[in-house]
C-alpha atoms as a PDB file:
ATOM      1  CA  MET A   1     124.065  58.817 116.204  1.00  0.00           C
ATOM      2  CA  THR A   2     123.141  60.438 112.799  1.00  0.00           C
ATOM      3  CA  SER A   3     122.188  63.996 112.293  1.00  0.00           C
ATOM      4  CA  ARG A   4     118.424  64.651 111.426  1.00  0.00           C
ATOM      5  CA  SER A   5     119.251  68.184 110.019  1.00  0.00           C
ATOM      6  CA  GLN A   6     118.980  68.482 106.271  1.00  0.00           C
ATOM      7  CA  THR A   7     121.848  69.931 104.137  1.00  0.00           C
ATOM      8  CA  ILE A   8     120.648  72.802 102.187  1.00  0.00           C
ATOM      9  CA  THR A   9     121.607  72.491  98.553  1.00  0.00           C
ATOM     10  CA  ASN A  10     119.134  74.798  96.906  1.00  0.00           C
ATOM     11  CA  PRO A  11     121.245  77.931  95.854  1.00  0.00           C
ATOM     12  CA  ASP A  12     118.355  80.293  96.547  1.00  0.00           C
ATOM     13  CA  TRP A  13     118.573  79.355 100.291  1.00  0.00           C
ATOM     14  CA  LEU A  14     122.247  79.355 100.768  1.00  0.00           C
ATOM     15  CA  ASP A  15     122.448  83.203 100.915  1.00  0.00           C
ATOM     16  CA  ASN A  16     119.317  84.581 102.034  1.00  0.00           C
ATOM     17  CA  GLU A  17     120.097  88.525 102.185  1.00  0.00           C
ATOM     18  CA  HIS A  18     117.729  90.401 104.243  1.00  0.00           C
ATOM     19  CA  ALA A  19     116.424  93.724 103.152  1.00  0.00           C
ATOM     20  CA  GLY A  20     118.804  95.482 105.441  1.00  0.00           C
ATOM     21  CA  GLN A  21     121.864  93.750 103.961  1.00  0.00           C
ATOM     22  CA  MET A  22     120.658  94.633 100.348  1.00  0.00           C
ATOM     23  CA  LEU A  23     120.282  98.215 101.400  1.00  0.00           C
ATOM     24  CA  VAL A  24     123.964  98.383 102.437  1.00  0.00           C
ATOM     25  CA  THR A  25     125.350  96.486  99.580  1.00  0.00           C
ATOM     26  CA  GLU A  26     123.212  97.737  96.721  1.00  0.00           C
ATOM     27  CA  PHE A  27     122.384 101.278  97.801  1.00  0.00           C
ATOM     28  CA  LEU A  28     124.404 102.712 100.713  1.00  0.00           C
ATOM     29  CA  GLU A  29     128.066 101.406  99.913  1.00  0.00           C
ATOM     30  CA  PRO A  30     127.950 102.106  96.102  1.00  0.00           C
ATOM     31  CA  GLU A  31     126.714 105.713  96.665  1.00  0.00           C
ATOM     32  CA  ASP A  32     128.900 106.171  99.900  1.00  0.00           C
ATOM     33  CA  ILE A  33     125.842 107.154 101.779  1.00  0.00           C
ATOM     34  CA  SER A  34     125.965 106.956 105.504  1.00  0.00           C
ATOM     35  CA  VAL A  35     123.241 105.629 107.738  1.00  0.00           C
ATOM     36  CA  GLU A  36     123.153 109.134 109.410  1.00  0.00           C
ATOM     37  CA  GLN A  37     122.776 110.854 105.981  1.00  0.00           C
ATOM     38  CA  LEU A  38     120.040 108.419 104.884  1.00  0.00           C
ATOM     39  CA  ALA A  39     118.134 108.941 108.092  1.00  0.00           C
ATOM     40  CA  GLY A  40     118.293 112.601 107.932  1.00  0.00           C
ATOM     41  CA  ASP A  41     117.350 112.733 104.304  1.00  0.00           C
ATOM     42  CA  ILE A  42     114.302 110.475 104.819  1.00  0.00           C
ATOM     43  CA  GLY A  43     113.167 111.768 108.193  1.00  0.00           C
ATOM     44  CA  VAL A  44     113.736 108.694 110.521  1.00  0.00           C
ATOM     45  CA  THR A  45     116.314 108.039 113.181  1.00  0.00           C
ATOM     46  CA  PRO A  46     119.627 106.499 112.316  1.00  0.00           C
ATOM     47  CA  GLU A  47     119.016 103.811 115.053  1.00  0.00           C
ATOM     48  CA  ARG A  48     115.869 102.674 112.974  1.00  0.00           C
ATOM     49  CA  ILE A  49     117.930 102.124 109.972  1.00  0.00           C
ATOM     50  CA  ALA A  50     120.656 100.486 111.851  1.00  0.00           C
ATOM     51  CA  HIS A  51     118.103  97.994 113.237  1.00  0.00           C
ATOM     52  CA  VAL A  52     116.831  97.207 109.715  1.00  0.00           C
ATOM     53  CA  ILE A  53     120.620  96.801 108.577  1.00  0.00           C
ATOM     54  CA  ALA A  54     121.140  94.428 111.503  1.00  0.00           C
ATOM     55  CA  GLY A  55     118.179  92.400 110.753  1.00  0.00           C
ATOM     56  CA  VAL A  56     116.605  93.288 114.268  1.00  0.00           C
ATOM     57  CA  ARG A  57     113.582  95.147 112.673  1.00  0.00           C
ATOM     58  CA  PRO A  58     111.944  94.416 109.347  1.00  0.00           C
ATOM     59  CA  VAL A  59     111.110  96.967 106.607  1.00  0.00           C
ATOM     60  CA  ASP A  60     107.769  98.121 107.074  1.00  0.00           C
ATOM     61  CA  ALA A  61     105.325  99.878 104.387  1.00  0.00           C
ATOM     62  CA  GLU A  62     106.339 103.354 105.692  1.00  0.00           C
ATOM     63  CA  LEU A  63     109.899 102.758 105.596  1.00  0.00           C
ATOM     64  CA  ASP A  64     109.557 101.105 102.144  1.00  0.00           C
ATOM     65  CA  LEU A  65     107.901 104.187 100.875  1.00  0.00           C
ATOM     66  CA  ARG A  66     110.482 106.418 102.185  1.00  0.00           C
ATOM     67  CA  PHE A  67     113.464 104.237 100.914  1.00  0.00           C
ATOM     68  CA  SER A  68     111.692 103.873  97.541  1.00  0.00           C
ATOM     69  CA  ARG A  69     111.184 107.568  97.025  1.00  0.00           C
ATOM     70  CA  TYR A  70     114.710 108.470  98.070  1.00  0.00           C
ATOM     71  CA  PHE A  71     116.377 105.753  95.737  1.00  0.00           C
ATOM     72  CA  ARG A  72     113.791 106.286  92.900  1.00  0.00           C
ATOM     73  CA  MET A  73     112.613 102.515  93.022  1.00  0.00           C
ATOM     74  CA  SER A  74     109.057 101.307  92.757  1.00  0.00           C
ATOM     75  CA  GLU A  75     106.877 101.336  95.757  1.00  0.00           C
ATOM     76  CA  GLY A  76     106.885  97.955  97.484  1.00  0.00           C
ATOM     77  CA  PHE A  77     110.568  97.268  96.279  1.00  0.00           C
ATOM     78  CA  PHE A  78     111.924  97.068  99.851  1.00  0.00           C
ATOM     79  CA  LEU A  79     108.776  95.169 101.168  1.00  0.00           C
ATOM     80  CA  ARG A  80     109.203  92.552  98.474  1.00  0.00           C
ATOM     81  CA  LEU A  81     112.845  92.127  99.457  1.00  0.00           C
ATOM     82  CA  GLN A  82     111.682  91.696 103.230  1.00  0.00           C
ATOM     83  CA  SER A  83     108.814  89.253 102.179  1.00  0.00           C
ATOM     84  CA  ARG A  84     111.301  87.185 100.080  1.00  0.00           C
ATOM     85  CA  TYR A  85     113.779  86.940 103.062  1.00  0.00           C
ATOM     86  CA  GLU A  86     110.804  86.002 105.349  1.00  0.00           C
ATOM     87  CA  ILE A  87     109.414  83.228 103.083  1.00  0.00           C
ATOM     88  CA  VAL A  88     112.964  81.560 102.755  1.00  0.00           C
ATOM     89  CA  GLU A  89     113.419  81.704 106.542  1.00  0.00           C
ATOM     90  CA  ALA A  90     109.850  80.171 107.136  1.00  0.00           C
ATOM     91  CA  LYS A  91     110.722  77.450 104.620  1.00  0.00           C
ATOM     92  CA  ARG A  92     113.759  76.745 106.524  1.00  0.00           C
ATOM     93  CA  VAL A  93     112.011  76.655 109.814  1.00  0.00           C
ATOM     94  CA  LEU A  94     109.333  74.268 108.490  1.00  0.00           C
ATOM     95  CA  ASN A  95     111.984  72.013 106.920  1.00  0.00           C
ATOM     96  CA  GLY A  96     109.859  69.750 104.825  1.00  0.00           C
ATOM     97  CA  GLU A  97     106.655  70.137 106.983  1.00  0.00           C
ATOM     98  CA  LEU A  98     104.974  71.826 103.889  1.00  0.00           C
ATOM     99  CA  ASP A  99     105.504  68.613 101.811  1.00  0.00           C
ATOM    100  CA  ARG A 100     103.152  66.678 104.091  1.00  0.00           C
ATOM    101  CA  ILE A 101     100.331  69.038 103.577  1.00  0.00           C
ATOM    102  CA  VAL A 102      98.042  67.739 100.729  1.00  0.00           C
ATOM    103  CA  PRO A 103      96.413  70.561  98.550  1.00  0.00           C
ATOM    104  CA  ARG A 104      92.638  70.628  98.821  1.00  0.00           C
ATOM    105  CA  ALA A 105      92.357  70.071  95.002  1.00  0.00           C
ATOM    106  CA  ASP A 106      94.172  66.982  95.208  1.00  0.00           C
ATOM    107  CA  LYS A 107      91.893  65.658  97.959  1.00  0.00           C
ATOM    108  CA  ILE A 108      88.864  66.535  95.947  1.00  0.00           C
ATOM    109  CA  ALA A 109      90.103  64.747  92.917  1.00  0.00           C
ATOM    110  CA  ALA A 110      91.017  61.650  94.559  1.00  0.00           C
END
């Protein structure tokens, strides 16, 4: 029996860090900021941030605004990270199904 699963070779898909992982590796660790300190400084519970870091909870618009203000990033920065992660994960789930969808413009031209 052969496997029907595809091997992912696209380098963009091999390491799909979610916004919580990026928060840790790019912001918290380099600045030596604890989850508790960040939570207190931006007015949320440490559990909420811990859930984002663990990938249990996505970054929402409100949390994006708080993170963006705190780290002096553009509004929407963390939401874009979250969206990028979700799009790649959705492509993984669809696993080629999108290729079978014929764009409307192609149907009209035919």
